[in-house]
């Protein structure tokens, strides 16, 4: 839900991509999965401080064909 007043699924893809373009990475602390509307699984975050956007670094994740699904820290 954060920083939006309603869950992200309510908004159009263009609104979400305006906030977080494709390729944006996050560190997420204590995410949990739940069953959402229409039987879809959602990743939920309880508090805004549990989601931190990772600053973009030139040359990393810049190519539109790059699909990042999981970011694992060492």
PDB file of N, CA and C in Angstrom:
ATOM      1  N   UNK A   1       0.800  -1.200   0.000  1.00  0.00           N
ATOM      2  CA  UNK A   1       0.000   0.000   0.000  1.00  0.00           C
ATOM      3  C   UNK A   1       0.842   1.264   0.000  1.00  0.00           C
ATOM      4  N   UNK A   2       2.068   1.187   0.401  1.00  0.00           N
ATOM      5  CA  UNK A   2       2.853   2.396   0.577  1.00  0.00           C
ATOM      6  C   UNK A   2       3.659   2.692  -0.672  1.00  0.00           C
ATOM      7  N   UNK A   3       3.749   3.906  -1.156  1.00  0.00           N
ATOM      8  CA  UNK A   3       3.253   5.152  -0.588  1.00  0.00           C
ATOM      9  C   UNK A   3       1.848   5.511  -1.048  1.00  0.00           C
ATOM     10  N   UNK A   4       1.117   4.569  -1.580  1.00  0.00           N
ATOM     11  CA  UNK A   4      -0.221   4.823  -2.105  1.00  0.00           C
ATOM     12  C   UNK A   4      -1.280   4.644  -1.018  1.00  0.00           C
ATOM     13  N   UNK A   5      -2.396   5.360  -1.102  1.00  0.00           N
ATOM     14  CA  UNK A   5      -3.440   5.212  -0.090  1.00  0.00           C
ATOM     15  C   UNK A   5      -4.232   3.909  -0.219  1.00  0.00           C
ATOM     16  N   UNK A   6      -4.186   3.275  -1.393  1.00  0.00           N
ATOM     17  CA  UNK A   6      -4.877   2.005  -1.633  1.00  0.00           C
ATOM     18  C   UNK A   6      -3.863   0.981  -2.134  1.00  0.00           C
ATOM     19  N   UNK A   7      -4.174  -0.318  -2.069  1.00  0.00           N
ATOM     20  CA  UNK A   7      -3.252  -1.330  -2.587  1.00  0.00           C
ATOM     21  C   UNK A   7      -2.895  -1.069  -4.050  1.00  0.00           C
ATOM     22  N   UNK A   8      -1.675  -1.398  -4.420  1.00  0.00           N
ATOM     23  CA  UNK A   8      -1.165  -1.120  -5.767  1.00  0.00           C
ATOM     24  C   UNK A   8      -2.022  -1.754  -6.858  1.00  0.00           C
ATOM     25  N   UNK A   9      -2.695  -2.875  -6.569  1.00  0.00           N
ATOM     26  CA  UNK A   9      -3.514  -3.545  -7.579  1.00  0.00           C
ATOM     27  C   UNK A   9      -4.684  -2.697  -8.062  1.00  0.00           C
ATOM     28  N   UNK A  10      -5.062  -1.690  -7.295  1.00  0.00           N
ATOM     29  CA  UNK A  10      -6.185  -0.822  -7.659  1.00  0.00           C
ATOM     30  C   UNK A  10      -5.799   0.146  -8.776  1.00  0.00           C
ATOM     31  N   UNK A  11      -4.525   0.467  -8.881  1.00  0.00           N
ATOM     32  CA  UNK A  11      -4.048   1.482  -9.822  1.00  0.00           C
ATOM     33  C   UNK A  11      -3.665   0.879 -11.167  1.00  0.00           C
ATOM     34  N   UNK A  12      -3.675   1.718 -12.187  1.00  0.00           N
ATOM     35  CA  UNK A  12      -3.288   1.260 -13.517  1.00  0.00           C
ATOM     36  C   UNK A  12      -1.776   1.032 -13.563  1.00  0.00           C
ATOM     37  N   UNK A  13      -1.308   0.166 -14.462  1.00  0.00           N
ATOM     38  CA  UNK A  13       0.129  -0.065 -14.590  1.00  0.00           C
ATOM     39  C   UNK A  13       0.926   1.214 -14.856  1.00  0.00           C
ATOM     40  N   UNK A  14       0.339   2.181 -15.568  1.00  0.00           N
ATOM     41  CA  UNK A  14       1.072   3.416 -15.857  1.00  0.00           C
ATOM     42  C   UNK A  14       1.341   4.227 -14.589  1.00  0.00           C
ATOM     43  N   UNK A  15       0.409   4.209 -13.633  1.00  0.00           N
ATOM     44  CA  UNK A  15       0.616   4.918 -12.367  1.00  0.00           C
ATOM     45  C   UNK A  15       1.745   4.250 -11.581  1.00  0.00           C
ATOM     46  N   UNK A  16       1.724   2.932 -11.507  1.00  0.00           N
ATOM     47  CA  UNK A  16       2.759   2.189 -10.769  1.00  0.00           C
ATOM     48  C   UNK A  16       4.121   2.366 -11.434  1.00  0.00           C
ATOM     49  N   UNK A  17       4.178   2.279 -12.760  1.00  0.00           N
ATOM     50  CA  UNK A  17       5.451   2.466 -13.457  1.00  0.00           C
ATOM     51  C   UNK A  17       5.955   3.888 -13.336  1.00  0.00           C
ATOM     52  N   UNK A  18       5.076   4.848 -13.129  1.00  0.00           N
ATOM     53  CA  UNK A  18       5.505   6.222 -12.890  1.00  0.00           C
ATOM     54  C   UNK A  18       6.246   6.358 -11.566  1.00  0.00           C
ATOM     55  N   UNK A  19       5.798   5.605 -10.572  1.00  0.00           N
ATOM     56  CA  UNK A  19       6.473   5.607  -9.269  1.00  0.00           C
ATOM     57  C   UNK A  19       7.729   4.758  -9.289  1.00  0.00           C
ATOM     58  N   UNK A  20       7.600   3.550  -9.839  1.00  0.00           N
ATOM     59  CA  UNK A  20       8.708   2.594  -9.855  1.00  0.00           C
ATOM     60  C   UNK A  20       8.848   2.023 -11.257  1.00  0.00           C
ATOM     61  N   UNK A  21       9.716   2.609 -12.088  1.00  0.00           N
ATOM     62  CA  UNK A  21       9.906   2.097 -13.450  1.00  0.00           C
ATOM     63  C   UNK A  21      10.400   0.647 -13.435  1.00  0.00           C
ATOM     64  N   UNK A  22      10.197  -0.052 -14.533  1.00  0.00           N
ATOM     65  CA  UNK A  22      10.685  -1.421 -14.665  1.00  0.00           C
ATOM     66  C   UNK A  22      12.184  -1.427 -14.391  1.00  0.00           C
ATOM     67  N   UNK A  23      12.614  -2.365 -13.569  1.00  0.00           N
ATOM     68  CA  UNK A  23      14.022  -2.457 -13.199  1.00  0.00           C
ATOM     69  C   UNK A  23      14.326  -1.881 -11.821  1.00  0.00           C
ATOM     70  N   UNK A  24      13.337  -1.233 -11.190  1.00  0.00           N
ATOM     71  CA  UNK A  24      13.538  -0.699  -9.849  1.00  0.00           C
ATOM     72  C   UNK A  24      13.707  -1.865  -8.876  1.00  0.00           C
ATOM     73  N   UNK A  25      14.673  -1.758  -7.984  1.00  0.00           N
ATOM     74  CA  UNK A  25      14.930  -2.817  -7.007  1.00  0.00           C
ATOM     75  C   UNK A  25      14.677  -2.303  -5.594  1.00  0.00           C
ATOM     76  N   UNK A  26      14.242  -3.209  -4.747  1.00  0.00           N
ATOM     77  CA  UNK A  26      13.944  -2.882  -3.353  1.00  0.00           C
ATOM     78  C   UNK A  26      14.594  -3.887  -2.424  1.00  0.00           C
ATOM     79  N   UNK A  27      14.932  -3.430  -1.251  1.00  0.00           N
ATOM     80  CA  UNK A  27      15.195  -4.314  -0.131  1.00  0.00           C
ATOM     81  C   UNK A  27      13.879  -4.378   0.617  1.00  0.00           C
ATOM     82  N   UNK A  28      13.392  -5.578   0.895  1.00  0.00           N
ATOM     83  CA  UNK A  28      12.128  -5.729   1.604  1.00  0.00           C
ATOM     84  C   UNK A  28      12.381  -6.539   2.866  1.00  0.00           C
ATOM     85  N   UNK A  29      12.052  -5.933   4.004  1.00  0.00           N
ATOM     86  CA  UNK A  29      12.221  -6.582   5.297  1.00  0.00           C
ATOM     87  C   UNK A  29      10.893  -7.209   5.706  1.00  0.00           C
ATOM     88  N   UNK A  30      10.929  -8.456   6.059  1.00  0.00           N
ATOM     89  CA  UNK A  30       9.775  -9.186   6.573  1.00  0.00           C
ATOM     90  C   UNK A  30       8.535  -9.125   5.674  1.00  0.00           C
ATOM     91  N   UNK A  31       8.685  -9.450   4.371  1.00  0.00           N
ATOM     92  CA  UNK A  31       7.486  -9.507   3.535  1.00  0.00           C
ATOM     93  C   UNK A  31       6.667 -10.750   3.901  1.00  0.00           C
ATOM     94  N   UNK A  32       5.407 -10.723   3.589  1.00  0.00           N
ATOM     95  CA  UNK A  32       4.588 -11.918   3.772  1.00  0.00           C
ATOM     96  C   UNK A  32       3.664 -12.058   2.577  1.00  0.00           C
ATOM     97  N   UNK A  33       3.310 -13.288   2.279  1.00  0.00           N
ATOM     98  CA  UNK A  33       2.416 -13.560   1.162  1.00  0.00           C
ATOM     99  C   UNK A  33       1.013 -13.766   1.708  1.00  0.00           C
ATOM    100  N   UNK A  34       0.045 -13.329   0.935  1.00  0.00           N
ATOM    101  CA  UNK A  34      -1.343 -13.533   1.322  1.00  0.00           C
ATOM    102  C   UNK A  34      -2.170 -13.737   0.060  1.00  0.00           C
ATOM    103  N   UNK A  35      -3.346 -14.290   0.206  1.00  0.00           N
ATOM    104  CA  UNK A  35      -4.241 -14.478  -0.919  1.00  0.00           C
ATOM    105  C   UNK A  35      -5.036 -13.187  -1.085  1.00  0.00           C
ATOM    106  N   UNK A  36      -4.936 -12.602  -2.247  1.00  0.00           N
ATOM    107  CA  UNK A  36      -5.603 -11.332  -2.500  1.00  0.00           C
ATOM    108  C   UNK A  36      -6.898 -11.503  -3.260  1.00  0.00           C
ATOM    109  N   UNK A  37      -7.363 -10.396  -3.810  1.00  0.00           N
ATOM    110  CA  UNK A  37      -8.591 -10.401  -4.601  1.00  0.00           C
ATOM    111  C   UNK A  37      -8.435 -11.311  -5.810  1.00  0.00           C
ATOM    112  N   UNK A  38      -9.493 -11.930  -6.198  1.00  0.00           N
ATOM    113  CA  UNK A  38      -9.525 -12.813  -7.371  1.00  0.00           C
ATOM    114  C   UNK A  38      -8.580 -13.998  -7.236  1.00  0.00           C
ATOM    115  N   UNK A  39      -8.225 -14.365  -5.999  1.00  0.00           N
ATOM    116  CA  UNK A  39      -7.400 -15.545  -5.778  1.00  0.00           C
ATOM    117  C   UNK A  39      -5.932 -15.393  -6.133  1.00  0.00           C
ATOM    118  N   UNK A  40      -5.465 -14.166  -6.309  1.00  0.00           N
ATOM    119  CA  UNK A  40      -4.064 -13.935  -6.652  1.00  0.00           C
ATOM    120  C   UNK A  40      -3.221 -13.840  -5.383  1.00  0.00           C
ATOM    121  N   UNK A  41      -2.017 -14.387  -5.463  1.00  0.00           N
ATOM    122  CA  UNK A  41      -1.089 -14.261  -4.346  1.00  0.00           C
ATOM    123  C   UNK A  41      -0.452 -12.884  -4.402  1.00  0.00           C
ATOM    124  N   UNK A  42      -0.377 -12.222  -3.259  1.00  0.00           N
ATOM    125  CA  UNK A  42       0.218 -10.891  -3.160  1.00  0.00           C
ATOM    126  C   UNK A  42       1.371 -10.923  -2.168  1.00  0.00           C
ATOM    127  N   UNK A  43       2.378 -10.114  -2.421  1.00  0.00           N
ATOM    128  CA  UNK A  43       3.431  -9.885  -1.448  1.00  0.00           C
ATOM    129  C   UNK A  43       3.034  -8.626  -0.692  1.00  0.00           C
ATOM    130  N   UNK A  44       2.922  -8.730   0.620  1.00  0.00           N
ATOM    131  CA  UNK A  44       2.486  -7.598   1.433  1.00  0.00           C
ATOM    132  C   UNK A  44       3.606  -7.156   2.366  1.00  0.00           C
ATOM    133  N   UNK A  45       3.580  -5.886   2.690  1.00  0.00           N
ATOM    134  CA  UNK A  45       4.568  -5.274   3.581  1.00  0.00           C
ATOM    135  C   UNK A  45       3.780  -4.512   4.635  1.00  0.00           C
ATOM    136  N   UNK A  46       4.074  -4.780   5.901  1.00  0.00           N
ATOM    137  CA  UNK A  46       3.276  -4.204   6.979  1.00  0.00           C
ATOM    138  C   UNK A  46       3.545  -2.719   7.216  1.00  0.00           C
ATOM    139  N   UNK A  47       4.772  -2.284   7.077  1.00  0.00           N
ATOM    140  CA  UNK A  47       5.144  -0.910   7.408  1.00  0.00           C
ATOM    141  C   UNK A  47       5.948  -0.291   6.278  1.00  0.00           C
ATOM    142  N   UNK A  48       5.796   1.005   6.018  1.00  0.00           N
ATOM    143  CA  UNK A  48       6.547   1.648   4.932  1.00  0.00           C
ATOM    144  C   UNK A  48       8.054   1.538   5.112  1.00  0.00           C
ATOM    145  N   UNK A  49       8.532   1.535   6.340  1.00  0.00           N
ATOM    146  CA  UNK A  49       9.973   1.453   6.576  1.00  0.00           C
ATOM    147  C   UNK A  49      10.539   0.081   6.216  1.00  0.00           C
ATOM    148  N   UNK A  50       9.677  -0.909   5.985  1.00  0.00           N
ATOM    149  CA  UNK A  50      10.128  -2.246   5.613  1.00  0.00           C
ATOM    150  C   UNK A  50      10.453  -2.370   4.130  1.00  0.00           C
ATOM    151  N   UNK A  51      10.243  -1.313   3.353  1.00  0.00           N
ATOM    152  CA  UNK A  51      10.537  -1.322   1.920  1.00  0.00           C
ATOM    153  C   UNK A  51      11.449  -0.144   1.615  1.00  0.00           C
ATOM    154  N   UNK A  52      12.659  -0.441   1.133  1.00  0.00           N
ATOM    155  CA  UNK A  52      13.632   0.601   0.830  1.00  0.00           C
ATOM    156  C   UNK A  52      14.062   0.444  -0.626  1.00  0.00           C
ATOM    157  N   UNK A  53      13.922   1.506  -1.395  1.00  0.00           N
ATOM    158  CA  UNK A  53      14.333   1.466  -2.794  1.00  0.00           C
ATOM    159  C   UNK A  53      15.853   1.496  -2.871  1.00  0.00           C
ATOM    160  N   UNK A  54      16.426   0.592  -3.682  1.00  0.00           N
ATOM    161  CA  UNK A  54      17.864   0.535  -3.879  1.00  0.00           C
ATOM    162  C   UNK A  54      18.227   1.556  -4.957  1.00  0.00           C
ATOM    163  N   UNK A  55      19.172   2.469  -4.667  1.00  0.00           N
ATOM    164  CA  UNK A  55      19.548   3.465  -5.679  1.00  0.00           C
ATOM    165  C   UNK A  55      20.069   2.798  -6.955  1.00  0.00           C
ATOM    166  N   UNK A  56      19.707   3.376  -8.077  1.00  0.00           N
ATOM    167  CA  UNK A  56      20.179   2.842  -9.367  1.00  0.00           C
ATOM    168  C   UNK A  56      21.663   3.120  -9.529  1.00  0.00           C
ATOM    169  N   UNK A  57      22.368   2.155 -10.061  1.00  0.00           N
ATOM    170  CA  UNK A  57      23.792   2.282 -10.341  1.00  0.00           C
ATOM    171  C   UNK A  57      23.950   2.180 -11.850  1.00  0.00           C
ATOM    172  N   UNK A  58      24.651   3.119 -12.447  1.00  0.00           N
ATOM    173  CA  UNK A  58      24.835   3.133 -13.903  1.00  0.00           C
ATOM    174  C   UNK A  58      25.385   1.798 -14.374  1.00  0.00           C
ATOM    175  N   UNK A  59      24.742   1.252 -15.404  1.00  0.00           N
ATOM    176  CA  UNK A  59      25.205   0.010 -15.991  1.00  0.00           C
ATOM    177  C   UNK A  59      24.595  -1.242 -15.379  1.00  0.00           C
ATOM    178  N   UNK A  60      23.936  -1.108 -14.233  1.00  0.00           N
ATOM    179  CA  UNK A  60      23.317  -2.267 -13.596  1.00  0.00           C
ATOM    180  C   UNK A  60      21.806  -2.146 -13.750  1.00  0.00           C
ATOM    181  N   UNK A  61      21.190  -3.180 -14.284  1.00  0.00           N
ATOM    182  CA  UNK A  61      19.747  -3.240 -14.503  1.00  0.00           C
ATOM    183  C   UNK A  61      19.242  -2.166 -15.462  1.00  0.00           C
ATOM    184  N   UNK A  62      20.118  -1.620 -16.304  1.00  0.00           N
ATOM    185  CA  UNK A  62      19.689  -0.578 -17.241  1.00  0.00           C
ATOM    186  C   UNK A  62      19.037  -1.139 -18.498  1.00  0.00           C
ATOM    187  N   UNK A  63      19.380  -2.362 -18.867  1.00  0.00           N
ATOM    188  CA  UNK A  63      18.868  -2.924 -20.102  1.00  0.00           C
ATOM    189  C   UNK A  63      17.415  -3.354 -19.907  1.00  0.00           C
ATOM    190  N   UNK A  64      16.504  -2.955 -20.821  1.00  0.00           N
ATOM    191  CA  UNK A  64      15.087  -3.292 -20.632  1.00  0.00           C
ATOM    192  C   UNK A  64      14.800  -4.787 -20.642  1.00  0.00           C
ATOM    193  N   UNK A  65      15.710  -5.595 -21.215  1.00  0.00           N
ATOM    194  CA  UNK A  65      15.494  -7.039 -21.263  1.00  0.00           C
ATOM    195  C   UNK A  65      15.843  -7.723 -19.944  1.00  0.00           C
ATOM    196  N   UNK A  66      16.487  -7.000 -19.034  1.00  0.00           N
ATOM    197  CA  UNK A  66      16.873  -7.592 -17.761  1.00  0.00           C
ATOM    198  C   UNK A  66      15.626  -7.743 -16.896  1.00  0.00           C
ATOM    199  N   UNK A  67      15.424  -8.956 -16.394  1.00  0.00           N
ATOM    200  CA  UNK A  67      14.268  -9.217 -15.541  1.00  0.00           C
ATOM    201  C   UNK A  67      14.791  -9.643 -14.180  1.00  0.00           C
ATOM    202  N   UNK A  68      14.643  -8.790 -13.206  1.00  0.00           N
ATOM    203  CA  UNK A  68      15.128  -9.080 -11.861  1.00  0.00           C
ATOM    204  C   UNK A  68      13.932  -9.498 -11.020  1.00  0.00           C
ATOM    205  N   UNK A  69      13.927 -10.746 -10.573  1.00  0.00           N
ATOM    206  CA  UNK A  69      12.813 -11.188  -9.754  1.00  0.00           C
ATOM    207  C   UNK A  69      13.193 -11.305  -8.295  1.00  0.00           C
ATOM    208  N   UNK A  70      14.457 -11.625  -8.006  1.00  0.00           N
ATOM    209  CA  UNK A  70      14.896 -11.771  -6.620  1.00  0.00           C
ATOM    210  C   UNK A  70      16.264 -11.137  -6.473  1.00  0.00           C
ATOM    211  N   UNK A  71      16.423 -10.327  -5.455  1.00  0.00           N
ATOM    212  CA  UNK A  71      17.724  -9.721  -5.154  1.00  0.00           C
ATOM    213  C   UNK A  71      18.192 -10.334  -3.844  1.00  0.00           C
ATOM    214  N   UNK A  72      19.301 -11.070  -3.895  1.00  0.00           N
ATOM    215  CA  UNK A  72      19.816 -11.766  -2.725  1.00  0.00           C
ATOM    216  C   UNK A  72      21.091 -11.087  -2.304  1.00  0.00           C
ATOM    217  N   UNK A  73      21.153 -10.681  -1.042  1.00  0.00           N
ATOM    218  CA  UNK A  73      22.379 -10.066  -0.545  1.00  0.00           C
ATOM    219  C   UNK A  73      23.291 -11.130   0.027  1.00  0.00           C
ATOM    220  N   UNK A  74      24.583 -10.897  -0.095  1.00  0.00           N
ATOM    221  CA  UNK A  74      25.560 -11.874   0.398  1.00  0.00           C
ATOM    222  C   UNK A  74      25.839 -11.667   1.865  1.00  0.00           C
TER     223      UNK A  74
END
